[in-house]
Amino acid sequence: MAKKPKKQQSGGTPATVALTTAGVTYTVHSYDHDPSHPSYGEEAAEAMRVSPERVFKTLVADVDGALTVAVVPVAGQLDLKALASAVGGKRATMADPALAERTTGYVRGGISPLGQRRKLPTVLDASAAAHPTICISAGRRGLEVELSPEDLTKLTEAVVAPIGRA
């Protein structure tokens, strides 16, 4: 007998399903993704008319052989040394994009720290605390969710540390 596929909420991504299941307050922002735009994060900030300091990108790094998620403002860059230190590691490098996609279940430019295929250790940049809400990928290009940094930290069990740089 064939198994029925798991039903997701209509139009939902694993990230929005995770938020709804957790009972977290969030807002979905959708926009038309332009494949020619040079930066997914900057495109999201521009399209939503939100300060780039409040829009966070999700990056996957390899810290001493373990994949780790870094969530940093699109206005800056990830400090790999600070990321390694935040999780008690010695050395961090950016993960192979194909491996990041396979492990999280999301495509590059749409990787969300929520609803990943395999939950990875997560570090949220400390600058998130300066904002009542931040925007992160909802799991596909052109779709963002806005939520409180506290809710994101709780749901991902993130370490909060200064891992971004201007």
C-alpha atoms as a PDB file:
ATOM      1  CA  MET A   1       0.000   0.000   0.000  1.00  0.00           C
ATOM      2  CA  ALA A   2       1.381   3.394  -1.006  1.00  0.00           C
ATOM      3  CA  LYS A   3       2.094   5.961   1.687  1.00  0.00           C
ATOM      4  CA  LYS A   4       0.389   9.301   1.441  1.00  0.00           C
ATOM      5  CA  PRO A   5       2.845  12.173   1.028  1.00  0.00           C
ATOM      6  CA  LYS A   6       3.165  14.509   4.000  1.00  0.00           C
ATOM      7  CA  LYS A   7       0.830  17.406   3.508  1.00  0.00           C
ATOM      8  CA  GLN A   8       2.313  20.880   3.865  1.00  0.00           C
ATOM      9  CA  GLN A   9       0.241  23.973   4.378  1.00  0.00           C
ATOM     10  CA  SER A  10      -0.761  25.354   1.017  1.00  0.00           C
ATOM     11  CA  GLY A  11       2.027  27.506  -0.343  1.00  0.00           C
ATOM     12  CA  GLY A  12       4.104  26.820   2.747  1.00  0.00           C
ATOM     13  CA  THR A  13       7.784  26.063   2.855  1.00  0.00           C
ATOM     14  CA  PRO A  14       9.401  23.939   5.562  1.00  0.00           C
ATOM     15  CA  ALA A  15      10.429  27.244   7.226  1.00  0.00           C
ATOM     16  CA  THR A  16       6.903  28.700   7.352  1.00  0.00           C
ATOM     17  CA  VAL A  17       5.484  25.346   8.426  1.00  0.00           C
ATOM     18  CA  ALA A  18       8.016  25.261  11.296  1.00  0.00           C
ATOM     19  CA  LEU A  19       7.010  28.775  12.355  1.00  0.00           C
ATOM     20  CA  THR A  20       3.298  27.995  12.220  1.00  0.00           C
ATOM     21  CA  THR A  21       3.759  24.716  14.105  1.00  0.00           C
ATOM     22  CA  ALA A  22       5.719  26.550  16.815  1.00  0.00           C
ATOM     23  CA  GLY A  23       2.981  29.168  17.137  1.00  0.00           C
ATOM     24  CA  VAL A  24       5.409  31.994  16.432  1.00  0.00           C
ATOM     25  CA  THR A  25       4.202  35.372  15.171  1.00  0.00           C
ATOM     26  CA  TYR A  26       5.707  36.148  11.775  1.00  0.00           C
ATOM     27  CA  THR A  27       4.995  38.037   8.570  1.00  0.00           C
ATOM     28  CA  VAL A  28       5.678  36.695   5.082  1.00  0.00           C
ATOM     29  CA  HIS A  29       7.110  39.071   2.483  1.00  0.00           C
ATOM     30  CA  SER A  30       7.147  37.970  -1.127  1.00  0.00           C
ATOM     31  CA  TYR A  31       8.701  39.665  -4.142  1.00  0.00           C
ATOM     32  CA  ASP A  32       9.623  38.817  -7.720  1.00  0.00           C
ATOM     33  CA  HIS A  33      13.163  37.440  -7.678  1.00  0.00           C
ATOM     34  CA  ASP A  34      15.444  38.827 -10.399  1.00  0.00           C
ATOM     35  CA  PRO A  35      18.013  36.138 -11.341  1.00  0.00           C
ATOM     36  CA  SER A  36      20.353  38.832 -12.703  1.00  0.00           C
ATOM     37  CA  HIS A  37      20.616  40.668  -9.354  1.00  0.00           C
ATOM     38  CA  PRO A  38      24.171  40.299  -7.965  1.00  0.00           C
ATOM     39  CA  SER A  39      23.086  39.736  -4.327  1.00  0.00           C
ATOM     40  CA  TYR A  40      20.103  37.735  -3.058  1.00  0.00           C
ATOM     41  CA  GLY A  41      20.113  39.557   0.290  1.00  0.00           C
ATOM     42  CA  GLU A  42      20.454  43.063  -1.091  1.00  0.00           C
ATOM     43  CA  GLU A  43      17.715  42.277  -3.604  1.00  0.00           C
ATOM     44  CA  ALA A  44      15.425  41.230  -0.730  1.00  0.00           C
ATOM     45  CA  ALA A  45      16.155  44.417   1.241  1.00  0.00           C
ATOM     46  CA  GLU A  46      15.512  46.598  -1.806  1.00  0.00           C
ATOM     47  CA  ALA A  47      12.332  44.768  -2.809  1.00  0.00           C
ATOM     48  CA  MET A  48      10.876  44.907   0.711  1.00  0.00           C
ATOM     49  CA  ARG A  49      12.129  48.474   1.334  1.00  0.00           C
ATOM     50  CA  VAL A  50      13.757  47.305   4.551  1.00  0.00           C
ATOM     51  CA  SER A  51      17.140  48.447   5.865  1.00  0.00           C
ATOM     52  CA  PRO A  52      19.872  45.936   4.914  1.00  0.00           C
ATOM     53  CA  GLU A  53      20.878  45.861   8.603  1.00  0.00           C
ATOM     54  CA  ARG A  54      17.512  44.161   9.345  1.00  0.00           C
ATOM     55  CA  VAL A  55      17.687  41.614   6.514  1.00  0.00           C
ATOM     56  CA  PHE A  56      19.814  38.602   7.408  1.00  0.00           C
ATOM     57  CA  LYS A  57      21.362  36.029   5.096  1.00  0.00           C
ATOM     58  CA  THR A  58      21.835  32.382   5.962  1.00  0.00           C
ATOM     59  CA  LEU A  59      25.269  30.993   5.163  1.00  0.00           C
ATOM     60  CA  VAL A  60      26.550  27.467   5.671  1.00  0.00           C
ATOM     61  CA  ALA A  61      30.150  27.029   6.782  1.00  0.00           C
ATOM     62  CA  ASP A  62      32.367  24.105   7.677  1.00  0.00           C
ATOM     63  CA  VAL A  63      33.773  24.481  11.184  1.00  0.00           C
ATOM     64  CA  ASP A  64      36.404  21.829  11.908  1.00  0.00           C
ATOM     65  CA  GLY A  65      34.543  19.349   9.674  1.00  0.00           C
ATOM     66  CA  ALA A  66      31.020  20.116  10.952  1.00  0.00           C
ATOM     67  CA  LEU A  67      28.502  22.105   8.926  1.00  0.00           C
ATOM     68  CA  THR A  68      27.336  25.170  10.820  1.00  0.00           C
ATOM     69  CA  VAL A  69      24.775  27.844   9.933  1.00  0.00           C
ATOM     70  CA  ALA A  70      25.678  31.528  10.239  1.00  0.00           C
ATOM     71  CA  VAL A  71      22.938  34.168  10.111  1.00  0.00           C
ATOM     72  CA  VAL A  72      24.380  37.631   9.422  1.00  0.00           C
ATOM     73  CA  PRO A  73      23.104  40.964   8.045  1.00  0.00           C
ATOM     74  CA  VAL A  74      23.167  41.251   4.258  1.00  0.00           C
ATOM     75  CA  ALA A  75      24.825  44.650   4.775  1.00  0.00           C
ATOM     76  CA  GLY A  76      28.029  42.945   5.923  1.00  0.00           C
ATOM     77  CA  GLN A  77      30.087  39.791   5.720  1.00  0.00           C
ATOM     78  CA  LEU A  78      30.619  36.696   7.819  1.00  0.00           C
ATOM     79  CA  ASP A  79      33.743  36.701   9.975  1.00  0.00           C
ATOM     80  CA  LEU A  80      34.794  33.042   9.685  1.00  0.00           C
ATOM     81  CA  LYS A  81      37.250  33.256  12.585  1.00  0.00           C
ATOM     82  CA  ALA A  82      34.518  34.676  14.862  1.00  0.00           C
ATOM     83  CA  LEU A  83      32.095  31.938  13.734  1.00  0.00           C
ATOM     84  CA  ALA A  84      34.590  29.197  14.587  1.00  0.00           C
ATOM     85  CA  SER A  85      35.203  30.783  17.978  1.00  0.00           C
ATOM     86  CA  ALA A  86      31.456  31.084  18.698  1.00  0.00           C
ATOM     87  CA  VAL A  87      31.016  27.311  18.404  1.00  0.00           C
ATOM     88  CA  GLY A  88      34.284  26.368  20.080  1.00  0.00           C
ATOM     89  CA  GLY A  89      36.065  25.551  16.835  1.00  0.00           C
ATOM     90  CA  LYS A  90      39.456  26.472  15.455  1.00  0.00           C
ATOM     91  CA  ARG A  91      38.917  26.948  11.730  1.00  0.00           C
ATOM     92  CA  ALA A  92      35.954  27.767   9.500  1.00  0.00           C
ATOM     93  CA  THR A  93      35.589  27.858   5.722  1.00  0.00           C
ATOM     94  CA  MET A  94      32.540  28.329   3.558  1.00  0.00           C
ATOM     95  CA  ALA A  95      30.822  25.019   2.838  1.00  0.00           C
ATOM     96  CA  ASP A  96      30.558  23.622  -0.658  1.00  0.00           C
ATOM     97  CA  PRO A  97      27.311  25.123  -2.062  1.00  0.00           C
ATOM     98  CA  ALA A  98      26.045  21.746  -3.341  1.00  0.00           C
ATOM     99  CA  LEU A  99      26.630  20.173   0.083  1.00  0.00           C
ATOM    100  CA  ALA A 100      24.852  23.090   1.785  1.00  0.00           C
ATOM    101  CA  GLU A 101      21.860  22.623  -0.528  1.00  0.00           C
ATOM    102  CA  ARG A 102      21.701  18.841  -0.007  1.00  0.00           C
ATOM    103  CA  THR A 103      22.046  19.119   3.758  1.00  0.00           C
ATOM    104  CA  THR A 104      19.528  21.932   4.308  1.00  0.00           C
ATOM    105  CA  GLY A 105      17.052  20.962   1.588  1.00  0.00           C
ATOM    106  CA  TYR A 106      17.071  24.513   0.225  1.00  0.00           C
ATOM    107  CA  VAL A 107      18.654  26.152  -2.834  1.00  0.00           C
ATOM    108  CA  ARG A 108      21.338  28.819  -2.601  1.00  0.00           C
ATOM    109  CA  GLY A 109      19.726  32.216  -2.166  1.00  0.00           C
ATOM    110  CA  GLY A 110      16.784  30.532  -0.439  1.00  0.00           C
ATOM    111  CA  ILE A 111      18.459  28.728   2.459  1.00  0.00           C
ATOM    112  CA  SER A 112      16.551  29.355   5.658  1.00  0.00           C
ATOM    113  CA  PRO A 113      17.833  28.687   9.169  1.00  0.00           C
ATOM    114  CA  LEU A 114      14.387  27.166   9.854  1.00  0.00           C
ATOM    115  CA  GLY A 115      12.902  23.891   8.637  1.00  0.00           C
ATOM    116  CA  GLN A 116      16.152  22.446   7.372  1.00  0.00           C
ATOM    117  CA  ARG A 117      16.301  18.834   6.253  1.00  0.00           C
ATOM    118  CA  ARG A 118      18.997  18.228   8.879  1.00  0.00           C
ATOM    119  CA  LYS A 119      19.136  20.653  11.789  1.00  0.00           C
ATOM    120  CA  LEU A 120      22.567  22.242  11.961  1.00  0.00           C
ATOM    121  CA  PRO A 121      24.229  24.208  14.773  1.00  0.00           C
ATOM    122  CA  THR A 122      23.317  27.850  14.230  1.00  0.00           C
ATOM    123  CA  VAL A 123      24.939  31.155  15.174  1.00  0.00           C
ATOM    124  CA  LEU A 124      23.002  34.418  14.911  1.00  0.00           C
ATOM    125  CA  ASP A 125      24.953  37.656  14.666  1.00  0.00           C
ATOM    126  CA  ALA A 126      24.584  39.718  17.853  1.00  0.00           C
ATOM    127  CA  SER A 127      23.481  42.770  15.844  1.00  0.00           C
ATOM    128  CA  ALA A 128      20.044  41.141  15.463  1.00  0.00           C
ATOM    129  CA  ALA A 129      19.246  42.116  19.055  1.00  0.00           C
ATOM    130  CA  ALA A 130      19.217  45.796  18.045  1.00  0.00           C
ATOM    131  CA  HIS A 131      16.004  45.260  16.045  1.00  0.00           C
ATOM    132  CA  PRO A 132      12.496  44.312  17.193  1.00  0.00           C
ATOM    133  CA  THR A 133      12.171  42.158  14.054  1.00  0.00           C
ATOM    134  CA  ILE A 134      14.522  40.861  11.382  1.00  0.00           C
ATOM    135  CA  CYS A 135      13.921  39.270   7.991  1.00  0.00           C
ATOM    136  CA  ILE A 136      15.331  35.907   6.942  1.00  0.00           C
ATOM    137  CA  SER A 137      14.752  33.622   3.987  1.00  0.00           C
ATOM    138  CA  ALA A 138      11.490  31.711   4.141  1.00  0.00           C
ATOM    139  CA  GLY A 139      12.986  28.883   2.127  1.00  0.00           C
ATOM    140  CA  ARG A 140      12.964  30.057  -1.450  1.00  0.00           C
ATOM    141  CA  ARG A 141      14.213  32.959  -3.500  1.00  0.00           C
ATOM    142  CA  GLY A 142      11.748  35.833  -3.402  1.00  0.00           C
ATOM    143  CA  LEU A 143      10.211  34.827  -0.072  1.00  0.00           C
ATOM    144  CA  GLU A 144      11.230  36.226   3.333  1.00  0.00           C
ATOM    145  CA  VAL A 145       9.803  35.948   6.833  1.00  0.00           C
ATOM    146  CA  GLU A 146       9.953  38.700   9.422  1.00  0.00           C
ATOM    147  CA  LEU A 147      10.122  37.617  13.055  1.00  0.00           C
ATOM    148  CA  SER A 148      11.701  38.606  16.337  1.00  0.00           C
ATOM    149  CA  PRO A 149      15.368  37.717  16.858  1.00  0.00           C
ATOM    150  CA  GLU A 150      14.339  36.049  20.142  1.00  0.00           C
ATOM    151  CA  ASP A 151      11.944  33.689  18.354  1.00  0.00           C
ATOM    152  CA  LEU A 152      14.581  32.837  15.744  1.00  0.00           C
ATOM    153  CA  THR A 153      17.127  32.151  18.477  1.00  0.00           C
ATOM    154  CA  LYS A 154      14.720  29.909  20.380  1.00  0.00           C
ATOM    155  CA  LEU A 155      13.552  27.926  17.331  1.00  0.00           C
ATOM    156  CA  THR A 156      17.055  27.297  15.974  1.00  0.00           C
ATOM    157  CA  GLU A 157      18.666  26.968  19.417  1.00  0.00           C
ATOM    158  CA  ALA A 158      21.174  29.482  18.093  1.00  0.00           C
ATOM    159  CA  VAL A 159      24.224  30.829  19.808  1.00  0.00           C
ATOM    160  CA  VAL A 160      24.182  34.640  19.604  1.00  0.00           C
ATOM    161  CA  ALA A 161      27.638  36.091  18.954  1.00  0.00           C
ATOM    162  CA  PRO A 162      29.318  38.921  16.999  1.00  0.00           C
ATOM    163  CA  ILE A 163      30.074  36.993  13.790  1.00  0.00           C
ATOM    164  CA  GLY A 164      29.395  39.714  11.204  1.00  0.00           C
ATOM    165  CA  ARG A 165      31.621  42.508  10.036  1.00  0.00           C
ATOM    166  CA  ALA A 166      30.882  45.625   7.986  1.00  0.00           C
END
